[in-house]
Amino acid sequence: MKVIPIYIAAGINGFESPAAEYLQLSLSLDELLVEHPSATFLGFAKGDSMQELGIFDNDILIVDRHVKVNQYDVIVANLNGEFVCKQLDMHRRLLLSANHAHQAVRVNDYDQFSIEGVVTRSVRCHRPSPVLLDIAK
């Protein structure tokens, strides 16, 4: 894939001609987004509980099982048989939402809980992708 960087200012001042400083980079989205291919999986975010961290309904989550989990990382976990995407407070054993409408969830000793991986990236499609239409349903 060839990438032509076009830098866009926050104000609307028009676009500089892409030919003004034509720069071509060889870039693979796999290389950019996935650090550990054999330990990475993709998932879809559902709901609005993580929106204050920029993760919205139907965003694609890139989840890495290889990286070490740190305090307040966004993780995908299995809690009592249900997959959840939450921010992890390891010290207080809480799964935190990034939306004030949702309460934190305490992970108790009797809960079945496993961390599936750390969300390292999220991707938002601004137009429906034909590749993902059937998968997302």
C-alpha atoms as a PDB file:
ATOM      1  CA  MET A   1       0.000   0.000   0.000  1.00  0.00           C
ATOM      2  CA  LYS A   2       1.318   3.448  -0.886  1.00  0.00           C
ATOM      3  CA  VAL A   3       0.451   6.236   1.504  1.00  0.00           C
ATOM      4  CA  ILE A   4       0.406   9.898   0.598  1.00  0.00           C
ATOM      5  CA  PRO A   5       0.275  11.852   3.848  1.00  0.00           C
ATOM      6  CA  ILE A   6      -2.088  14.825   3.727  1.00  0.00           C
ATOM      7  CA  TYR A   7      -1.908  16.898   6.879  1.00  0.00           C
ATOM      8  CA  ILE A   8      -5.194  18.570   7.715  1.00  0.00           C
ATOM      9  CA  ALA A   9      -5.401  21.621   9.947  1.00  0.00           C
ATOM     10  CA  ALA A  10      -8.216  21.982  12.457  1.00  0.00           C
ATOM     11  CA  GLY A  11      -9.527  25.098  10.686  1.00  0.00           C
ATOM     12  CA  ILE A  12     -10.990  24.998   7.212  1.00  0.00           C
ATOM     13  CA  ASN A  13      -8.379  26.719   5.113  1.00  0.00           C
ATOM     14  CA  GLY A  14      -8.516  24.517   2.054  1.00  0.00           C
ATOM     15  CA  PHE A  15      -6.121  21.734   1.227  1.00  0.00           C
ATOM     16  CA  GLU A  16      -2.585  22.160   0.123  1.00  0.00           C
ATOM     17  CA  SER A  17      -2.011  20.453  -3.178  1.00  0.00           C
ATOM     18  CA  PRO A  18      -0.956  16.836  -2.514  1.00  0.00           C
ATOM     19  CA  ALA A  19       1.611  17.297  -5.263  1.00  0.00           C
ATOM     20  CA  ALA A  20       3.284  20.193  -3.407  1.00  0.00           C
ATOM     21  CA  GLU A  21       5.349  17.851  -1.255  1.00  0.00           C
ATOM     22  CA  TYR A  22       4.714  14.448  -2.767  1.00  0.00           C
ATOM     23  CA  LEU A  23       6.014  11.820  -0.405  1.00  0.00           C
ATOM     24  CA  GLN A  24       5.350   8.152  -0.842  1.00  0.00           C
ATOM     25  CA  LEU A  25       5.692   5.767   2.043  1.00  0.00           C
ATOM     26  CA  SER A  26       5.557   2.035   1.898  1.00  0.00           C
ATOM     27  CA  LEU A  27       3.282   1.155   4.776  1.00  0.00           C
ATOM     28  CA  SER A  28       1.336  -1.902   5.803  1.00  0.00           C
ATOM     29  CA  LEU A  29      -1.635  -1.480   8.123  1.00  0.00           C
ATOM     30  CA  ASP A  30      -0.735  -4.843   9.622  1.00  0.00           C
ATOM     31  CA  GLU A  31       2.692  -3.521  10.570  1.00  0.00           C
ATOM     32  CA  LEU A  32       1.235  -0.276  11.883  1.00  0.00           C
ATOM     33  CA  LEU A  33      -1.562  -1.760  13.990  1.00  0.00           C
ATOM     34  CA  VAL A  34      -0.441  -5.270  14.991  1.00  0.00           C
ATOM     35  CA  GLU A  35       2.711  -5.744  17.047  1.00  0.00           C
ATOM     36  CA  HIS A  36       2.392  -9.479  17.761  1.00  0.00           C
ATOM     37  CA  PRO A  37       0.479 -11.122  14.880  1.00  0.00           C
ATOM     38  CA  SER A  38       0.400 -14.612  16.375  1.00  0.00           C
ATOM     39  CA  ALA A  39      -1.004 -13.274  19.666  1.00  0.00           C
ATOM     40  CA  THR A  40      -3.497 -10.759  18.270  1.00  0.00           C
ATOM     41  CA  PHE A  41      -7.203 -11.034  17.545  1.00  0.00           C
ATOM     42  CA  LEU A  42      -9.896  -8.611  16.422  1.00  0.00           C
ATOM     43  CA  GLY A  43     -13.248  -8.011  18.060  1.00  0.00           C
ATOM     44  CA  PHE A  44     -16.168  -5.617  17.770  1.00  0.00           C
ATOM     45  CA  ALA A  45     -17.054  -3.161  20.519  1.00  0.00           C
ATOM     46  CA  LYS A  46     -20.716  -3.190  21.495  1.00  0.00           C
ATOM     47  CA  GLY A  47     -22.463  -0.495  23.465  1.00  0.00           C
ATOM     48  CA  ASP A  48     -21.442   2.918  24.768  1.00  0.00           C
ATOM     49  CA  SER A  49     -19.631   2.068  28.004  1.00  0.00           C
ATOM     50  CA  MET A  50     -16.152   2.990  26.691  1.00  0.00           C
ATOM     51  CA  GLN A  51     -16.990   6.086  24.658  1.00  0.00           C
ATOM     52  CA  GLU A  52     -15.095   8.568  26.865  1.00  0.00           C
ATOM     53  CA  LEU A  53     -11.901   6.685  25.933  1.00  0.00           C
ATOM     54  CA  GLY A  54     -12.768   6.892  22.239  1.00  0.00           C
ATOM     55  CA  ILE A  55     -14.163   3.371  21.794  1.00  0.00           C
ATOM     56  CA  PHE A  56     -17.629   3.446  20.250  1.00  0.00           C
ATOM     57  CA  ASP A  57     -20.263   0.896  19.258  1.00  0.00           C
ATOM     58  CA  ASN A  58     -19.078  -1.263  16.323  1.00  0.00           C
ATOM     59  CA  ASP A  59     -15.471  -0.093  16.493  1.00  0.00           C
ATOM     60  CA  ILE A  60     -12.961  -2.805  15.686  1.00  0.00           C
ATOM     61  CA  LEU A  61     -10.754  -3.659  18.665  1.00  0.00           C
ATOM     62  CA  ILE A  62      -7.231  -4.921  18.140  1.00  0.00           C
ATOM     63  CA  VAL A  63      -6.477  -7.099  21.153  1.00  0.00           C
ATOM     64  CA  ASP A  64      -2.968  -8.307  21.959  1.00  0.00           C
ATOM     65  CA  ARG A  65      -2.543 -11.335  24.247  1.00  0.00           C
ATOM     66  CA  HIS A  66       1.253 -10.965  24.335  1.00  0.00           C
ATOM     67  CA  VAL A  67       1.635  -7.602  26.069  1.00  0.00           C
ATOM     68  CA  LYS A  68       1.810  -7.312  29.855  1.00  0.00           C
ATOM     69  CA  VAL A  69      -1.361  -5.972  31.448  1.00  0.00           C
ATOM     70  CA  ASN A  70      -0.814  -2.686  33.283  1.00  0.00           C
ATOM     71  CA  GLN A  71      -2.945  -0.746  35.733  1.00  0.00           C
ATOM     72  CA  TYR A  72      -5.802   1.041  33.897  1.00  0.00           C
ATOM     73  CA  ASP A  73      -5.206  -0.721  30.576  1.00  0.00           C
ATOM     74  CA  VAL A  74      -8.274  -1.244  28.424  1.00  0.00           C
ATOM     75  CA  ILE A  75      -8.760  -4.988  28.257  1.00  0.00           C
ATOM     76  CA  VAL A  76     -11.032  -7.616  26.820  1.00  0.00           C
ATOM     77  CA  ALA A  77     -11.966 -10.096  29.525  1.00  0.00           C
ATOM     78  CA  ASN A  78     -14.304 -13.000  30.046  1.00  0.00           C
ATOM     79  CA  LEU A  79     -16.428 -12.367  33.124  1.00  0.00           C
ATOM     80  CA  ASN A  80     -18.747 -15.222  34.041  1.00  0.00           C
ATOM     81  CA  GLY A  81     -18.982 -16.372  30.432  1.00  0.00           C
ATOM     82  CA  GLU A  82     -19.502 -12.920  28.904  1.00  0.00           C
ATOM     83  CA  PHE A  83     -16.878 -10.964  26.977  1.00  0.00           C
ATOM     84  CA  VAL A  84     -16.439  -7.402  28.210  1.00  0.00           C
ATOM     85  CA  CYS A  85     -14.243  -4.486  27.201  1.00  0.00           C
ATOM     86  CA  LYS A  86     -13.350  -2.401  30.259  1.00  0.00           C
ATOM     87  CA  GLN A  87     -10.565  -0.446  31.863  1.00  0.00           C
ATOM     88  CA  LEU A  88      -8.827  -2.556  34.524  1.00  0.00           C
ATOM     89  CA  ASP A  89      -8.179  -1.299  38.034  1.00  0.00           C
ATOM     90  CA  MET A  90      -6.005  -4.146  39.313  1.00  0.00           C
ATOM     91  CA  HIS A  91      -5.510  -2.693  42.803  1.00  0.00           C
ATOM     92  CA  ARG A  92      -9.222  -2.426  43.614  1.00  0.00           C
ATOM     93  CA  ARG A  93     -10.219  -5.437  41.418  1.00  0.00           C
ATOM     94  CA  LEU A  94     -12.625  -3.306  39.378  1.00  0.00           C
ATOM     95  CA  LEU A  95     -13.672  -3.214  35.744  1.00  0.00           C
ATOM     96  CA  LEU A  96     -14.257   0.441  34.922  1.00  0.00           C
ATOM     97  CA  SER A  97     -16.468   1.884  32.232  1.00  0.00           C
ATOM     98  CA  ALA A  98     -15.574   5.103  30.452  1.00  0.00           C
ATOM     99  CA  ASN A  99     -19.109   6.434  30.607  1.00  0.00           C
ATOM    100  CA  HIS A 100     -20.674   7.820  33.773  1.00  0.00           C
ATOM    101  CA  ALA A 101     -23.960   6.084  32.943  1.00  0.00           C
ATOM    102  CA  HIS A 102     -22.321   2.707  33.668  1.00  0.00           C
ATOM    103  CA  GLN A 103     -21.190   1.507  37.107  1.00  0.00           C
ATOM    104  CA  ALA A 104     -17.851  -0.128  37.842  1.00  0.00           C
ATOM    105  CA  VAL A 105     -17.976  -3.917  38.238  1.00  0.00           C
ATOM    106  CA  ARG A 106     -16.141  -5.608  41.105  1.00  0.00           C
ATOM    107  CA  VAL A 107     -14.392  -8.878  40.267  1.00  0.00           C
ATOM    108  CA  ASN A 108     -15.042 -11.171  43.229  1.00  0.00           C
ATOM    109  CA  ASP A 109     -13.197 -14.355  44.171  1.00  0.00           C
ATOM    110  CA  TYR A 110     -16.209 -16.447  43.172  1.00  0.00           C
ATOM    111  CA  ASP A 111     -16.421 -14.905  39.668  1.00  0.00           C
ATOM    112  CA  GLN A 112     -15.057 -16.733  36.676  1.00  0.00           C
ATOM    113  CA  PHE A 113     -12.677 -14.134  35.280  1.00  0.00           C
ATOM    114  CA  SER A 114      -9.925 -14.248  32.693  1.00  0.00           C
ATOM    115  CA  ILE A 115      -8.165 -11.490  30.807  1.00  0.00           C
ATOM    116  CA  GLU A 116      -8.181 -12.294  27.103  1.00  0.00           C
ATOM    117  CA  GLY A 117      -5.837  -9.466  26.094  1.00  0.00           C
ATOM    118  CA  VAL A 118      -5.068  -5.760  26.072  1.00  0.00           C
ATOM    119  CA  VAL A 119      -6.798  -3.463  23.596  1.00  0.00           C
ATOM    120  CA  THR A 120      -3.840  -1.838  21.864  1.00  0.00           C
ATOM    121  CA  ARG A 121      -5.749  -0.078  19.073  1.00  0.00           C
ATOM    122  CA  SER A 122      -9.296   0.581  17.916  1.00  0.00           C
ATOM    123  CA  VAL A 123     -10.446   1.266  14.372  1.00  0.00           C
ATOM    124  CA  ARG A 124     -13.594   3.120  13.321  1.00  0.00           C
ATOM    125  CA  CYS A 125     -15.079   2.680   9.869  1.00  0.00           C
ATOM    126  CA  HIS A 126     -16.773   5.871   8.694  1.00  0.00           C
ATOM    127  CA  ARG A 127     -18.471   3.975   5.881  1.00  0.00           C
ATOM    128  CA  PRO A 128     -19.711   0.406   6.112  1.00  0.00           C
ATOM    129  CA  SER A 129     -17.111  -2.054   4.902  1.00  0.00           C
ATOM    130  CA  PRO A 130     -18.475  -4.811   2.655  1.00  0.00           C
ATOM    131  CA  VAL A 131     -15.908  -7.156   4.207  1.00  0.00           C
ATOM    132  CA  LEU A 132     -17.315  -6.548   7.684  1.00  0.00           C
ATOM    133  CA  LEU A 133     -21.054  -6.336   6.982  1.00  0.00           C
ATOM    134  CA  ASP A 134     -21.730 -10.033   7.486  1.00  0.00           C
ATOM    135  CA  ILE A 135     -19.282 -10.420  10.369  1.00  0.00           C
ATOM    136  CA  ALA A 136     -20.662  -7.541  12.451  1.00  0.00           C
ATOM    137  CA  LYS A 137     -24.226  -8.906  12.514  1.00  0.00           C
END
